[in-house]
Amino acid sequence: MDQELESGKERADRNFVELLQGARVAVTGVQVLFAFLLTVPFSPGFVRLGEGDRRLFYVALVSAAVASICYIAPATQHRVLFRQGLKETLVRRSNAYGIAGALALAVSMTAATMLVVDFLFHSAIGMVTAGAVALLAVWAWFGQPALDRSRAAEDAGDAGSSGDTPSRRRTGG
């Protein structure tokens, strides 16, 4: 039975691989958004943007750069820390970078959406659309998982008080 349980090192390795898999999904989108934003100032229509839209563009560009840095950091740090016995530290740090990257990505997507919709229509539609995008990102990326964590903690508390013990082997980080 003990052979079925993971060692701390095995768990850290598995968790790190899972974190990198999740980052691979996000980093492609972040890099495409970032690359697109890097080209926008060189397009002919950019000169028509007002000061407010230029500031919004700045927020979108910088937050995409921050998201890109956060999503790339775990792989780079893994190379620097290779075979140093710091995998558990790297897993915790990579998780924090993933959350920070998601926040930065949400900001960039929201700002870019508002900029484009404002350019196409007007600021009221842009603000409403950007607000909807921000709310969806916050709910899907943070709100719903926080609710799930809360429910899982309640379930674990209920199981512990009834004498049941939850499995020691966990599938998540």
N, C-alpha and C. Protein backbone atom coordinates (compact mmCIF):
# COMPACT_ATOMS: atom_id res chain seq x y z
N MET A 1 0.83 -1.19 0.00
CA MET A 1 0.00 0.00 0.00
C MET A 1 0.87 1.26 0.00
N ASP A 2 1.96 1.27 0.76
CA ASP A 2 2.85 2.42 0.80
C ASP A 2 3.49 2.69 -0.56
N GLN A 3 3.62 1.63 -1.39
CA GLN A 3 4.21 1.81 -2.70
C GLN A 3 3.31 2.65 -3.60
N GLU A 4 2.02 2.70 -3.30
CA GLU A 4 1.09 3.49 -4.10
C GLU A 4 1.23 4.99 -3.81
N LEU A 5 1.74 5.33 -2.66
CA LEU A 5 1.88 6.74 -2.29
C LEU A 5 3.12 7.33 -2.95
N GLU A 6 3.01 8.57 -3.35
CA GLU A 6 4.15 9.25 -3.95
C GLU A 6 5.10 9.74 -2.87
N SER A 7 6.37 9.78 -3.21
CA SER A 7 7.32 10.43 -2.32
C SER A 7 7.19 11.93 -2.55
N GLY A 8 7.75 12.71 -1.67
CA GLY A 8 7.72 14.17 -1.83
C GLY A 8 8.38 14.60 -3.13
N LYS A 9 9.49 13.95 -3.48
CA LYS A 9 10.19 14.27 -4.72
C LYS A 9 9.34 13.93 -5.93
N GLU A 10 8.69 12.78 -5.91
CA GLU A 10 7.83 12.38 -7.02
C GLU A 10 6.65 13.33 -7.18
N ARG A 11 6.07 13.73 -6.06
CA ARG A 11 4.95 14.67 -6.10
C ARG A 11 5.40 16.02 -6.67
N ALA A 12 6.56 16.49 -6.22
CA ALA A 12 7.08 17.77 -6.72
C ALA A 12 7.34 17.68 -8.22
N ASP A 13 7.92 16.56 -8.67
CA ASP A 13 8.16 16.38 -10.11
C ASP A 13 6.85 16.40 -10.89
N ARG A 14 5.85 15.65 -10.40
CA ARG A 14 4.55 15.58 -11.08
C ARG A 14 3.88 16.96 -11.09
N ASN A 15 3.91 17.64 -9.95
CA ASN A 15 3.28 18.96 -9.88
C ASN A 15 3.96 19.95 -10.82
N PHE A 16 5.28 19.87 -10.91
CA PHE A 16 5.99 20.80 -11.81
C PHE A 16 5.62 20.53 -13.26
N VAL A 17 5.55 19.26 -13.65
CA VAL A 17 5.15 18.90 -15.01
C VAL A 17 3.74 19.41 -15.29
N GLU A 18 2.82 19.26 -14.32
CA GLU A 18 1.45 19.76 -14.50
C GLU A 18 1.43 21.28 -14.65
N LEU A 19 2.25 21.98 -13.86
CA LEU A 19 2.32 23.44 -13.98
C LEU A 19 2.84 23.85 -15.36
N LEU A 20 3.87 23.16 -15.82
CA LEU A 20 4.41 23.50 -17.14
C LEU A 20 3.40 23.23 -18.25
N GLN A 21 2.63 22.15 -18.13
CA GLN A 21 1.59 21.85 -19.13
C GLN A 21 0.55 22.97 -19.17
N GLY A 22 0.14 23.43 -18.01
CA GLY A 22 -0.82 24.53 -17.97
C GLY A 22 -0.24 25.81 -18.55
N ALA A 23 1.02 26.07 -18.27
CA ALA A 23 1.67 27.27 -18.81
C ALA A 23 1.79 27.20 -20.32
N ARG A 24 2.02 26.02 -20.86
CA ARG A 24 2.13 25.87 -22.33
C ARG A 24 0.85 26.32 -23.03
N VAL A 25 -0.27 26.03 -22.42
CA VAL A 25 -1.55 26.44 -23.00
C VAL A 25 -1.63 27.97 -23.03
N ALA A 26 -1.29 28.59 -21.92
CA ALA A 26 -1.44 30.05 -21.80
C ALA A 26 -0.36 30.81 -22.56
N VAL A 27 0.87 30.31 -22.54
CA VAL A 27 1.98 31.09 -23.08
C VAL A 27 1.83 31.33 -24.58
N THR A 28 1.26 30.40 -25.31
CA THR A 28 1.07 30.60 -26.74
C THR A 28 0.15 31.78 -27.00
N GLY A 29 -0.97 31.82 -26.29
CA GLY A 29 -1.89 32.94 -26.45
C GLY A 29 -1.27 34.26 -26.02
N VAL A 30 -0.54 34.24 -24.94
CA VAL A 30 0.11 35.46 -24.45
C VAL A 30 1.12 35.96 -25.48
N GLN A 31 1.91 35.05 -26.03
CA GLN A 31 2.93 35.46 -27.00
C GLN A 31 2.32 36.00 -28.28
N VAL A 32 1.21 35.42 -28.73
CA VAL A 32 0.53 35.94 -29.92
C VAL A 32 -0.01 37.34 -29.64
N LEU A 33 -0.66 37.51 -28.49
CA LEU A 33 -1.18 38.82 -28.11
C LEU A 33 -0.05 39.84 -28.00
N PHE A 34 1.02 39.47 -27.32
CA PHE A 34 2.16 40.36 -27.13
C PHE A 34 2.78 40.75 -28.48
N ALA A 35 2.97 39.77 -29.35
CA ALA A 35 3.55 40.05 -30.67
C ALA A 35 2.65 40.99 -31.46
N PHE A 36 1.35 40.75 -31.41
CA PHE A 36 0.42 41.63 -32.11
C PHE A 36 0.52 43.06 -31.56
N LEU A 37 0.53 43.18 -30.24
CA LEU A 37 0.58 44.50 -29.62
C LEU A 37 1.89 45.22 -29.97
N LEU A 38 2.97 44.46 -30.14
CA LEU A 38 4.25 45.09 -30.50
C LEU A 38 4.20 45.70 -31.89
N THR A 39 3.33 45.20 -32.77
CA THR A 39 3.25 45.72 -34.13
C THR A 39 2.28 46.89 -34.28
N VAL A 40 1.34 47.01 -33.38
CA VAL A 40 0.27 48.00 -33.52
C VAL A 40 0.77 49.44 -33.68
N PRO A 41 1.73 49.91 -32.91
CA PRO A 41 2.15 51.32 -33.08
C PRO A 41 2.71 51.64 -34.46
N PHE A 42 3.11 50.62 -35.20
CA PHE A 42 3.68 50.85 -36.52
C PHE A 42 2.64 50.82 -37.63
N SER A 43 1.38 50.61 -37.26
CA SER A 43 0.31 50.62 -38.26
C SER A 43 -0.16 52.05 -38.49
N PRO A 44 -0.64 52.34 -39.69
CA PRO A 44 -1.03 53.72 -40.02
C PRO A 44 -2.12 54.31 -39.12
N GLY A 45 -3.07 53.49 -38.67
CA GLY A 45 -4.17 54.01 -37.87
C GLY A 45 -3.80 54.39 -36.45
N PHE A 46 -2.64 53.97 -35.99
CA PHE A 46 -2.25 54.22 -34.60
C PHE A 46 -2.17 55.73 -34.29
N VAL A 47 -1.79 56.52 -35.27
CA VAL A 47 -1.65 57.96 -35.04
C VAL A 47 -2.98 58.63 -34.71
N ARG A 48 -4.08 57.97 -35.08
CA ARG A 48 -5.42 58.54 -34.79
C ARG A 48 -5.85 58.33 -33.35
N LEU A 49 -5.12 57.49 -32.60
CA LEU A 49 -5.51 57.23 -31.21
C LEU A 49 -5.29 58.48 -30.35
N GLY A 50 -6.26 58.73 -29.49
CA GLY A 50 -6.12 59.83 -28.55
C GLY A 50 -5.24 59.42 -27.38
N GLU A 51 -5.00 60.35 -26.49
CA GLU A 51 -4.13 60.11 -25.33
C GLU A 51 -4.67 58.98 -24.44
N GLY A 52 -5.97 58.95 -24.23
CA GLY A 52 -6.57 57.90 -23.40
C GLY A 52 -6.38 56.52 -24.00
N ASP A 53 -6.58 56.42 -25.31
CA ASP A 53 -6.39 55.13 -25.97
C ASP A 53 -4.92 54.72 -25.99
N ARG A 54 -4.03 55.68 -26.10
CA ARG A 54 -2.59 55.36 -26.04
C ARG A 54 -2.21 54.83 -24.65
N ARG A 55 -2.80 55.38 -23.64
CA ARG A 55 -2.55 54.88 -22.28
C ARG A 55 -3.12 53.47 -22.11
N LEU A 56 -4.29 53.25 -22.67
CA LEU A 56 -4.90 51.93 -22.64
C LEU A 56 -4.02 50.92 -23.38
N PHE A 57 -3.48 51.35 -24.52
CA PHE A 57 -2.56 50.49 -25.26
C PHE A 57 -1.33 50.17 -24.41
N TYR A 58 -0.80 51.15 -23.74
CA TYR A 58 0.36 50.95 -22.86
C TYR A 58 0.06 49.89 -21.80
N VAL A 59 -1.11 49.97 -21.18
CA VAL A 59 -1.51 48.98 -20.17
C VAL A 59 -1.58 47.59 -20.80
N ALA A 60 -2.19 47.49 -21.97
CA ALA A 60 -2.30 46.19 -22.65
C ALA A 60 -0.92 45.64 -22.98
N LEU A 61 -0.04 46.47 -23.50
CA LEU A 61 1.29 46.03 -23.91
C LEU A 61 2.13 45.59 -22.71
N VAL A 62 2.18 46.41 -21.69
CA VAL A 62 3.02 46.09 -20.53
C VAL A 62 2.48 44.88 -19.77
N SER A 63 1.16 44.78 -19.64
CA SER A 63 0.62 43.62 -18.92
C SER A 63 0.82 42.34 -19.74
N ALA A 64 0.82 42.41 -21.07
CA ALA A 64 1.13 41.23 -21.89
C ALA A 64 2.60 40.85 -21.71
N ALA A 65 3.48 41.83 -21.60
CA ALA A 65 4.90 41.54 -21.35
C ALA A 65 5.07 40.88 -19.99
N VAL A 66 4.38 41.39 -18.98
CA VAL A 66 4.46 40.81 -17.63
C VAL A 66 3.92 39.38 -17.64
N ALA A 67 2.80 39.16 -18.31
CA ALA A 67 2.24 37.80 -18.40
C ALA A 67 3.22 36.86 -19.07
N SER A 68 3.84 37.32 -20.13
CA SER A 68 4.81 36.49 -20.85
C SER A 68 5.99 36.13 -19.94
N ILE A 69 6.49 37.09 -19.21
CA ILE A 69 7.60 36.85 -18.27
C ILE A 69 7.19 35.83 -17.21
N CYS A 70 6.00 36.02 -16.65
CA CYS A 70 5.53 35.11 -15.60
C CYS A 70 5.36 33.68 -16.10
N TYR A 71 4.84 33.52 -17.31
CA TYR A 71 4.62 32.17 -17.84
C TYR A 71 5.92 31.50 -18.28
N ILE A 72 6.92 32.27 -18.65
CA ILE A 72 8.21 31.71 -19.08
C ILE A 72 9.12 31.44 -17.88
N ALA A 73 8.93 32.16 -16.79
CA ALA A 73 9.81 32.06 -15.62
C ALA A 73 10.01 30.64 -15.09
N PRO A 74 8.97 29.82 -14.94
CA PRO A 74 9.20 28.48 -14.39
C PRO A 74 10.18 27.63 -15.20
N ALA A 75 10.06 27.65 -16.53
CA ALA A 75 10.97 26.86 -17.36
C ALA A 75 12.40 27.39 -17.26
N THR A 76 12.53 28.70 -17.26
CA THR A 76 13.86 29.30 -17.15
C THR A 76 14.49 29.02 -15.79
N GLN A 77 13.70 29.19 -14.73
CA GLN A 77 14.22 28.92 -13.40
C GLN A 77 14.57 27.44 -13.22
N HIS A 78 13.80 26.57 -13.86
CA HIS A 78 14.12 25.15 -13.79
C HIS A 78 15.51 24.90 -14.38
N ARG A 79 15.83 25.56 -15.48
CA ARG A 79 17.15 25.40 -16.08
C ARG A 79 18.24 25.91 -15.13
N VAL A 80 18.01 27.06 -14.51
CA VAL A 80 19.01 27.65 -13.62
C VAL A 80 19.17 26.82 -12.34
N LEU A 81 18.08 26.26 -11.85
CA LEU A 81 18.10 25.52 -10.59
C LEU A 81 18.22 24.01 -10.78
N PHE A 82 18.51 23.57 -11.98
CA PHE A 82 18.57 22.14 -12.29
C PHE A 82 19.50 21.41 -11.33
N ARG A 83 18.96 20.34 -10.75
CA ARG A 83 19.69 19.45 -9.83
C ARG A 83 20.22 20.15 -8.58
N GLN A 84 19.49 21.14 -8.13
CA GLN A 84 19.88 21.82 -6.90
C GLN A 84 19.04 21.38 -5.71
N GLY A 85 18.10 20.45 -5.91
CA GLY A 85 17.26 19.97 -4.83
C GLY A 85 16.21 20.97 -4.38
N LEU A 86 15.80 21.86 -5.28
CA LEU A 86 14.86 22.93 -4.93
C LEU A 86 13.53 22.79 -5.69
N LYS A 87 13.17 21.58 -6.09
CA LYS A 87 11.96 21.38 -6.90
C LYS A 87 10.70 21.84 -6.17
N GLU A 88 10.58 21.54 -4.88
CA GLU A 88 9.37 21.96 -4.14
C GLU A 88 9.26 23.49 -4.11
N THR A 89 10.38 24.16 -3.90
CA THR A 89 10.40 25.63 -3.94
C THR A 89 10.01 26.12 -5.33
N LEU A 90 10.54 25.47 -6.35
CA LEU A 90 10.24 25.84 -7.72
C LEU A 90 8.76 25.64 -8.04
N VAL A 91 8.18 24.57 -7.52
CA VAL A 91 6.75 24.31 -7.73
C VAL A 91 5.91 25.42 -7.11
N ARG A 92 6.20 25.76 -5.86
CA ARG A 92 5.43 26.84 -5.20
C ARG A 92 5.60 28.16 -5.93
N ARG A 93 6.82 28.49 -6.29
CA ARG A 93 7.09 29.75 -6.99
C ARG A 93 6.42 29.75 -8.37
N SER A 94 6.48 28.62 -9.07
CA SER A 94 5.87 28.53 -10.40
C SER A 94 4.36 28.69 -10.33
N ASN A 95 3.75 28.17 -9.29
CA ASN A 95 2.32 28.35 -9.10
C ASN A 95 1.99 29.84 -8.93
N ALA A 96 2.79 30.53 -8.12
CA ALA A 96 2.57 31.97 -7.93
C ALA A 96 2.77 32.73 -9.24
N TYR A 97 3.80 32.36 -10.00
CA TYR A 97 4.01 33.00 -11.30
C TYR A 97 2.83 32.73 -12.24
N GLY A 98 2.28 31.53 -12.20
CA GLY A 98 1.14 31.21 -13.04
C GLY A 98 -0.07 32.08 -12.71
N ILE A 99 -0.31 32.27 -11.42
CA ILE A 99 -1.44 33.12 -11.00
C ILE A 99 -1.18 34.57 -11.39
N ALA A 100 0.05 35.06 -11.18
CA ALA A 100 0.39 36.43 -11.57
C ALA A 100 0.28 36.60 -13.08
N GLY A 101 0.71 35.59 -13.83
CA GLY A 101 0.61 35.64 -15.28
C GLY A 101 -0.83 35.70 -15.74
N ALA A 102 -1.69 34.93 -15.09
CA ALA A 102 -3.12 34.95 -15.45
C ALA A 102 -3.73 36.31 -15.16
N LEU A 103 -3.37 36.90 -14.03
CA LEU A 103 -3.87 38.25 -13.71
C LEU A 103 -3.41 39.26 -14.76
N ALA A 104 -2.12 39.21 -15.10
CA ALA A 104 -1.59 40.14 -16.10
C ALA A 104 -2.24 39.91 -17.46
N LEU A 105 -2.48 38.65 -17.80
CA LEU A 105 -3.14 38.34 -19.07
C LEU A 105 -4.57 38.88 -19.08
N ALA A 106 -5.27 38.73 -17.97
CA ALA A 106 -6.64 39.27 -17.88
C ALA A 106 -6.64 40.78 -18.07
N VAL A 107 -5.67 41.46 -17.47
CA VAL A 107 -5.56 42.91 -17.63
C VAL A 107 -5.28 43.26 -19.09
N SER A 108 -4.34 42.54 -19.70
CA SER A 108 -3.99 42.83 -21.09
C SER A 108 -5.16 42.59 -22.04
N MET A 109 -5.83 41.46 -21.86
CA MET A 109 -6.98 41.16 -22.73
C MET A 109 -8.09 42.18 -22.55
N THR A 110 -8.33 42.57 -21.31
CA THR A 110 -9.37 43.56 -21.04
C THR A 110 -9.03 44.91 -21.66
N ALA A 111 -7.78 45.35 -21.47
CA ALA A 111 -7.36 46.64 -22.02
C ALA A 111 -7.37 46.60 -23.55
N ALA A 112 -6.88 45.53 -24.14
CA ALA A 112 -6.86 45.43 -25.60
C ALA A 112 -8.28 45.40 -26.16
N THR A 113 -9.17 44.66 -25.51
CA THR A 113 -10.56 44.62 -25.95
C THR A 113 -11.19 46.00 -25.88
N MET A 114 -10.97 46.68 -24.77
CA MET A 114 -11.54 48.02 -24.62
C MET A 114 -10.98 48.97 -25.68
N LEU A 115 -9.69 48.88 -25.94
CA LEU A 115 -9.06 49.74 -26.95
C LEU A 115 -9.69 49.52 -28.33
N VAL A 116 -9.83 48.28 -28.74
CA VAL A 116 -10.36 47.98 -30.06
C VAL A 116 -11.84 48.36 -30.16
N VAL A 117 -12.63 48.00 -29.15
CA VAL A 117 -14.06 48.32 -29.20
C VAL A 117 -14.28 49.83 -29.14
N ASP A 118 -13.47 50.52 -28.34
CA ASP A 118 -13.56 51.98 -28.28
C ASP A 118 -13.22 52.59 -29.64
N PHE A 119 -12.22 52.04 -30.30
CA PHE A 119 -11.81 52.53 -31.62
C PHE A 119 -12.92 52.31 -32.65
N LEU A 120 -13.57 51.14 -32.56
CA LEU A 120 -14.60 50.80 -33.53
C LEU A 120 -15.91 51.54 -33.28
N PHE A 121 -16.28 51.71 -32.02
CA PHE A 121 -17.58 52.28 -31.68
C PHE A 121 -17.41 53.55 -30.85
N HIS A 122 -17.57 53.41 -29.54
CA HIS A 122 -17.30 54.54 -28.66
C HIS A 122 -17.03 54.01 -27.25
N SER A 123 -16.64 54.90 -26.37
CA SER A 123 -16.14 54.45 -25.07
C SER A 123 -17.18 53.72 -24.21
N ALA A 124 -18.44 54.05 -24.31
CA ALA A 124 -19.44 53.37 -23.48
C ALA A 124 -19.51 51.88 -23.83
N ILE A 125 -19.57 51.57 -25.11
CA ILE A 125 -19.61 50.16 -25.53
C ILE A 125 -18.29 49.48 -25.17
N GLY A 126 -17.20 50.20 -25.34
CA GLY A 126 -15.88 49.67 -25.00
C GLY A 126 -15.78 49.33 -23.52
N MET A 127 -16.27 50.21 -22.67
CA MET A 127 -16.20 49.96 -21.22
C MET A 127 -17.08 48.78 -20.82
N VAL A 128 -18.28 48.71 -21.39
CA VAL A 128 -19.18 47.59 -21.06
C VAL A 128 -18.57 46.27 -21.53
N THR A 129 -18.05 46.25 -22.74
CA THR A 129 -17.45 45.03 -23.28
C THR A 129 -16.23 44.63 -22.48
N ALA A 130 -15.37 45.58 -22.18
CA ALA A 130 -14.17 45.29 -21.38
C ALA A 130 -14.55 44.80 -19.98
N GLY A 131 -15.58 45.41 -19.42
CA GLY A 131 -16.05 44.96 -18.10
C GLY A 131 -16.54 43.53 -18.14
N ALA A 132 -17.25 43.17 -19.21
CA ALA A 132 -17.73 41.79 -19.36
C ALA A 132 -16.57 40.81 -19.52
N VAL A 133 -15.57 41.20 -20.31
CA VAL A 133 -14.39 40.36 -20.50
C VAL A 133 -13.66 40.18 -19.16
N ALA A 134 -13.49 41.26 -18.43
CA ALA A 134 -12.81 41.19 -17.13
C ALA A 134 -13.57 40.30 -16.15
N LEU A 135 -14.88 40.48 -16.09
CA LEU A 135 -15.69 39.65 -15.19
C LEU A 135 -15.62 38.17 -15.56
N LEU A 136 -15.67 37.88 -16.85
CA LEU A 136 -15.58 36.49 -17.28
C LEU A 136 -14.23 35.88 -16.91
N ALA A 137 -13.16 36.62 -17.14
CA ALA A 137 -11.82 36.13 -16.78
C ALA A 137 -11.70 35.92 -15.28
N VAL A 138 -12.16 36.87 -14.50
CA VAL A 138 -12.08 36.74 -13.04
C VAL A 138 -12.88 35.54 -12.57
N TRP A 139 -14.08 35.36 -13.11
CA TRP A 139 -14.91 34.22 -12.70
C TRP A 139 -14.28 32.89 -13.13
N ALA A 140 -13.97 32.77 -14.43
CA ALA A 140 -13.49 31.49 -14.97
C ALA A 140 -12.11 31.11 -14.43
N TRP A 141 -11.24 32.10 -14.21
CA TRP A 141 -9.87 31.79 -13.82
C TRP A 141 -9.66 31.80 -12.31
N PHE A 142 -10.48 32.57 -11.58
CA PHE A 142 -10.24 32.71 -10.14
C PHE A 142 -11.47 32.43 -9.28
N GLY A 143 -12.61 32.98 -9.64
CA GLY A 143 -13.81 32.84 -8.82
C GLY A 143 -14.30 31.41 -8.70
N GLN A 144 -14.49 30.77 -9.84
CA GLN A 144 -14.98 29.40 -9.83
C GLN A 144 -14.00 28.45 -9.14
N PRO A 145 -12.68 28.53 -9.42
CA PRO A 145 -11.75 27.67 -8.68
C PRO A 145 -11.73 27.96 -7.18
N ALA A 146 -11.88 29.22 -6.80
CA ALA A 146 -11.91 29.55 -5.37
C ALA A 146 -13.14 28.92 -4.71
N LEU A 147 -14.26 28.93 -5.41
CA LEU A 147 -15.47 28.29 -4.90
C LEU A 147 -15.27 26.78 -4.77
N ASP A 148 -14.64 26.18 -5.77
CA ASP A 148 -14.34 24.74 -5.72
C ASP A 148 -13.41 24.41 -4.55
N ARG A 149 -12.40 25.25 -4.31
CA ARG A 149 -11.48 25.03 -3.19
C ARG A 149 -12.22 25.10 -1.87
N SER A 150 -13.10 26.06 -1.77
CA SER A 150 -13.88 26.23 -0.55
C SER A 150 -14.76 25.01 -0.30
N ARG A 151 -15.42 24.55 -1.35
CA ARG A 151 -16.27 23.36 -1.23
C ARG A 151 -15.45 22.12 -0.88
N ALA A 152 -14.28 21.98 -1.49
CA ALA A 152 -13.42 20.82 -1.21
C ALA A 152 -12.94 20.86 0.24
N ALA A 153 -12.62 22.05 0.74
CA ALA A 153 -12.19 22.18 2.13
C ALA A 153 -13.33 21.81 3.08
N GLU A 154 -14.54 22.25 2.74
CA GLU A 154 -15.71 21.89 3.56
C GLU A 154 -15.94 20.38 3.55
N ASP A 155 -15.83 19.78 2.35
CA ASP A 155 -16.00 18.33 2.23
C ASP A 155 -14.94 17.58 3.03
N ALA A 156 -13.71 18.06 2.98
CA ALA A 156 -12.63 17.42 3.73
C ALA A 156 -12.88 17.57 5.23
N GLY A 157 -13.38 18.72 5.63
CA GLY A 157 -13.70 18.94 7.04
C GLY A 157 -14.83 18.03 7.49
N ASP A 158 -15.84 17.88 6.65
CA ASP A 158 -16.96 16.98 6.97
C ASP A 158 -16.49 15.54 7.04
N ALA A 159 -15.63 15.13 6.11
CA ALA A 159 -15.14 13.75 6.09
C ALA A 159 -14.28 13.48 7.32
N GLY A 160 -13.48 14.47 7.72
CA GLY A 160 -12.62 14.30 8.90
C GLY A 160 -13.41 14.21 10.18
N SER A 161 -14.52 14.92 10.26
CA SER A 161 -15.31 14.91 11.48
C SER A 161 -16.18 13.66 11.58
N SER A 162 -16.43 13.00 10.43
CA SER A 162 -17.26 11.80 10.47
C SER A 162 -16.43 10.53 10.63
N GLY A 163 -15.12 10.71 10.74
CA GLY A 163 -14.26 9.55 10.91
C GLY A 163 -13.67 9.04 9.61
N ASP A 164 -14.19 9.52 8.46
CA ASP A 164 -13.61 9.13 7.18
C ASP A 164 -12.30 9.88 6.98
N THR A 165 -11.37 9.28 6.32
CA THR A 165 -10.13 9.99 6.01
C THR A 165 -10.00 10.11 4.50
N PRO A 166 -9.76 11.33 4.02
CA PRO A 166 -9.59 11.49 2.59
C PRO A 166 -8.30 10.79 2.13
N SER A 167 -8.28 10.42 0.88
CA SER A 167 -7.11 9.77 0.33
C SER A 167 -5.86 10.63 0.49
N ARG A 168 -4.75 10.01 0.80
CA ARG A 168 -3.50 10.73 0.98
C ARG A 168 -2.89 11.09 -0.38
N ARG A 169 -3.24 10.33 -1.36
CA ARG A 169 -2.68 10.62 -2.68
C ARG A 169 -3.59 11.61 -3.39
N ARG A 170 -3.01 12.75 -3.76
CA ARG A 170 -3.79 13.79 -4.40
C ARG A 170 -3.41 13.88 -5.85
N THR A 171 -4.36 14.28 -6.68
CA THR A 171 -4.08 14.37 -8.10
C THR A 171 -3.77 15.80 -8.51
N GLY A 172 -3.93 16.75 -7.65
CA GLY A 172 -3.67 18.13 -8.02
C GLY A 172 -2.53 18.71 -7.24
N GLY A 173 -2.25 20.01 -7.51
CA GLY A 173 -1.13 20.68 -6.86
C GLY A 173 -1.57 21.36 -5.69
